């Protein structure tokens, strides 16, 4: 998924609707949450604070922030004896993730 958007939605004079926002948020998953957040933010940025589409967009941005860092649980529970993989939380995530080599070294150290 790219950061690009339908140019018709962003053109000057387009009346942004709640349905425009909902069309973007329809297929949101943790993997694409930050890209969708950027698209919605671009779509609503010129709207007044009391506009229904802006209200819906801001609510969706908050939800996308949550699933981007906390993930979402799907499927069945972990099998007996196996812990589920932890999601990255906004509090645990470093501001700038370490380089791949450092991350691999840290992961290897944690499994010892």
C-alpha atoms as a PDB file:
ATOM      1  CA  UNK A   1       0.000   0.000   0.000  1.00  0.00           C
ATOM      2  CA  UNK A   2       1.384   3.388  -0.897  1.00  0.00           C
ATOM      3  CA  UNK A   3       0.851   6.746   0.714  1.00  0.00           C
ATOM      4  CA  UNK A   4      -0.762   7.999  -2.503  1.00  0.00           C
ATOM      5  CA  UNK A   5      -4.432   8.848  -2.508  1.00  0.00           C
ATOM      6  CA  UNK A   6      -7.238   9.147  -5.002  1.00  0.00           C
ATOM      7  CA  UNK A   7      -6.601  12.638  -6.402  1.00  0.00           C
ATOM      8  CA  UNK A   8     -10.339  13.334  -6.648  1.00  0.00           C
ATOM      9  CA  UNK A   9     -10.700  13.084  -2.865  1.00  0.00           C
ATOM     10  CA  UNK A  10      -7.924  15.603  -2.270  1.00  0.00           C
ATOM     11  CA  UNK A  11      -8.710  18.112  -5.011  1.00  0.00           C
ATOM     12  CA  UNK A  12      -9.679  21.640  -4.041  1.00  0.00           C
ATOM     13  CA  UNK A  13     -13.430  21.991  -3.756  1.00  0.00           C
ATOM     14  CA  UNK A  14     -14.189  18.305  -3.055  1.00  0.00           C
ATOM     15  CA  UNK A  15     -16.768  18.077  -0.250  1.00  0.00           C
ATOM     16  CA  UNK A  16     -15.318  15.416   2.053  1.00  0.00           C
ATOM     17  CA  UNK A  17     -17.969  13.109   3.487  1.00  0.00           C
ATOM     18  CA  UNK A  18     -18.124  10.587   6.306  1.00  0.00           C
ATOM     19  CA  UNK A  19     -18.382   7.946   3.571  1.00  0.00           C
ATOM     20  CA  UNK A  20     -15.015   9.102   2.142  1.00  0.00           C
ATOM     21  CA  UNK A  21     -13.440   8.474   5.554  1.00  0.00           C
ATOM     22  CA  UNK A  22     -15.201   5.133   5.966  1.00  0.00           C
ATOM     23  CA  UNK A  23     -14.045   4.007   2.527  1.00  0.00           C
ATOM     24  CA  UNK A  24     -10.447   4.441   3.686  1.00  0.00           C
ATOM     25  CA  UNK A  25     -10.927   2.782   7.054  1.00  0.00           C
ATOM     26  CA  UNK A  26     -12.795  -0.246   5.713  1.00  0.00           C
ATOM     27  CA  UNK A  27      -9.826  -2.585   5.333  1.00  0.00           C
ATOM     28  CA  UNK A  28      -7.683  -1.431   8.239  1.00  0.00           C
ATOM     29  CA  UNK A  29      -5.258  -3.932   9.737  1.00  0.00           C
ATOM     30  CA  UNK A  30      -2.241  -3.426  12.009  1.00  0.00           C
ATOM     31  CA  UNK A  31       0.066  -3.879   9.038  1.00  0.00           C
ATOM     32  CA  UNK A  32      -1.426  -0.921   7.144  1.00  0.00           C
ATOM     33  CA  UNK A  33      -2.689   1.175  10.073  1.00  0.00           C
ATOM     34  CA  UNK A  34      -0.053   3.906   9.833  1.00  0.00           C
ATOM     35  CA  UNK A  35      -0.492   4.322   6.072  1.00  0.00           C
ATOM     36  CA  UNK A  36      -4.273   4.536   6.456  1.00  0.00           C
ATOM     37  CA  UNK A  37      -3.841   7.022   9.300  1.00  0.00           C
ATOM     38  CA  UNK A  38      -1.789   9.270   7.008  1.00  0.00           C
ATOM     39  CA  UNK A  39      -4.409   9.044   4.251  1.00  0.00           C
ATOM     40  CA  UNK A  40      -7.262   9.913   6.595  1.00  0.00           C
ATOM     41  CA  UNK A  41      -5.267  12.755   8.146  1.00  0.00           C
ATOM     42  CA  UNK A  42      -4.642  14.221   4.674  1.00  0.00           C
ATOM     43  CA  UNK A  43      -8.318  13.864   3.791  1.00  0.00           C
ATOM     44  CA  UNK A  44      -9.672  15.689   6.873  1.00  0.00           C
ATOM     45  CA  UNK A  45      -6.933  18.264   7.495  1.00  0.00           C
ATOM     46  CA  UNK A  46      -8.845  21.202   5.955  1.00  0.00           C
ATOM     47  CA  UNK A  47     -12.193  20.413   7.574  1.00  0.00           C
ATOM     48  CA  UNK A  48     -13.519  22.464  10.506  1.00  0.00           C
ATOM     49  CA  UNK A  49     -13.285  20.769  13.912  1.00  0.00           C
ATOM     50  CA  UNK A  50     -17.062  20.221  14.118  1.00  0.00           C
ATOM     51  CA  UNK A  51     -17.411  18.634  10.652  1.00  0.00           C
ATOM     52  CA  UNK A  52     -18.866  15.087  10.877  1.00  0.00           C
ATOM     53  CA  UNK A  53     -16.203  13.647   8.552  1.00  0.00           C
ATOM     54  CA  UNK A  54     -13.443  15.190  10.673  1.00  0.00           C
ATOM     55  CA  UNK A  55     -14.991  13.766  13.844  1.00  0.00           C
ATOM     56  CA  UNK A  56     -15.199  10.316  12.239  1.00  0.00           C
ATOM     57  CA  UNK A  57     -11.656  10.644  10.877  1.00  0.00           C
ATOM     58  CA  UNK A  58     -10.174  11.633  14.235  1.00  0.00           C
ATOM     59  CA  UNK A  59     -11.947   8.730  15.930  1.00  0.00           C
ATOM     60  CA  UNK A  60     -10.550   6.377  13.279  1.00  0.00           C
ATOM     61  CA  UNK A  61      -7.035   7.851  13.599  1.00  0.00           C
ATOM     62  CA  UNK A  62      -7.123   7.088  17.338  1.00  0.00           C
ATOM     63  CA  UNK A  63      -8.215   3.490  16.612  1.00  0.00           C
ATOM     64  CA  UNK A  64      -5.522   3.085  13.958  1.00  0.00           C
ATOM     65  CA  UNK A  65      -2.872   4.341  16.393  1.00  0.00           C
ATOM     66  CA  UNK A  66      -4.028   1.703  18.851  1.00  0.00           C
ATOM     67  CA  UNK A  67      -3.988  -1.231  16.442  1.00  0.00           C
ATOM     68  CA  UNK A  68      -0.709  -0.101  14.848  1.00  0.00           C
ATOM     69  CA  UNK A  69       1.106  -0.518  18.152  1.00  0.00           C
ATOM     70  CA  UNK A  70      -1.041  -3.004  20.081  1.00  0.00           C
ATOM     71  CA  UNK A  71      -2.052  -5.144  17.112  1.00  0.00           C
ATOM     72  CA  UNK A  72      -5.203  -7.142  17.103  1.00  0.00           C
ATOM     73  CA  UNK A  73      -5.835 -10.696  18.152  1.00  0.00           C
ATOM     74  CA  UNK A  74      -7.188 -13.109  15.578  1.00  0.00           C
ATOM     75  CA  UNK A  75      -7.514 -16.853  15.413  1.00  0.00           C
ATOM     76  CA  UNK A  76      -7.398 -19.225  18.323  1.00  0.00           C
ATOM     77  CA  UNK A  77      -5.679 -18.858  21.679  1.00  0.00           C
ATOM     78  CA  UNK A  78      -2.100 -20.035  22.111  1.00  0.00           C
ATOM     79  CA  UNK A  79      -1.648 -23.772  22.419  1.00  0.00           C
ATOM     80  CA  UNK A  80      -0.930 -25.175  25.884  1.00  0.00           C
ATOM     81  CA  UNK A  81       2.664 -24.501  26.842  1.00  0.00           C
ATOM     82  CA  UNK A  82       3.145 -21.740  24.282  1.00  0.00           C
ATOM     83  CA  UNK A  83       2.783 -18.069  25.101  1.00  0.00           C
ATOM     84  CA  UNK A  84       1.276 -15.820  22.429  1.00  0.00           C
ATOM     85  CA  UNK A  85       3.626 -13.372  20.754  1.00  0.00           C
ATOM     86  CA  UNK A  86       3.428 -10.004  22.427  1.00  0.00           C
ATOM     87  CA  UNK A  87       2.382  -6.995  20.383  1.00  0.00           C
ATOM     88  CA  UNK A  88       4.516  -3.897  20.357  1.00  0.00           C
ATOM     89  CA  UNK A  89       3.002  -1.270  22.601  1.00  0.00           C
ATOM     90  CA  UNK A  90       3.501   2.447  22.185  1.00  0.00           C
ATOM     91  CA  UNK A  91       5.224   2.494  25.588  1.00  0.00           C
ATOM     92  CA  UNK A  92       7.635  -0.335  24.733  1.00  0.00           C
ATOM     93  CA  UNK A  93       8.488   0.717  21.188  1.00  0.00           C
ATOM     94  CA  UNK A  94      11.714   2.696  20.834  1.00  0.00           C
ATOM     95  CA  UNK A  95      11.461   6.061  19.103  1.00  0.00           C
ATOM     96  CA  UNK A  96      13.987   4.827  16.536  1.00  0.00           C
ATOM     97  CA  UNK A  97      14.163   1.028  16.208  1.00  0.00           C
ATOM     98  CA  UNK A  98      17.668  -0.455  16.412  1.00  0.00           C
ATOM     99  CA  UNK A  99      19.435  -1.606  13.275  1.00  0.00           C
ATOM    100  CA  UNK A 100      18.569  -5.120  12.125  1.00  0.00           C
ATOM    101  CA  UNK A 101      21.866  -6.514  13.391  1.00  0.00           C
ATOM    102  CA  UNK A 102      21.340  -5.074  16.860  1.00  0.00           C
ATOM    103  CA  UNK A 103      17.758  -6.355  16.950  1.00  0.00           C
ATOM    104  CA  UNK A 104      18.835  -9.859  15.942  1.00  0.00           C
ATOM    105  CA  UNK A 105      21.571  -9.859  18.568  1.00  0.00           C
ATOM    106  CA  UNK A 106      19.102  -8.727  21.228  1.00  0.00           C
ATOM    107  CA  UNK A 107      16.591 -11.414  20.218  1.00  0.00           C
ATOM    108  CA  UNK A 108      19.268 -14.095  20.331  1.00  0.00           C
ATOM    109  CA  UNK A 109      20.378 -12.900  23.768  1.00  0.00           C
ATOM    110  CA  UNK A 110      16.774 -13.023  25.056  1.00  0.00           C
ATOM    111  CA  UNK A 111      16.376 -16.676  24.002  1.00  0.00           C
ATOM    112  CA  UNK A 112      19.451 -17.877  25.927  1.00  0.00           C
END
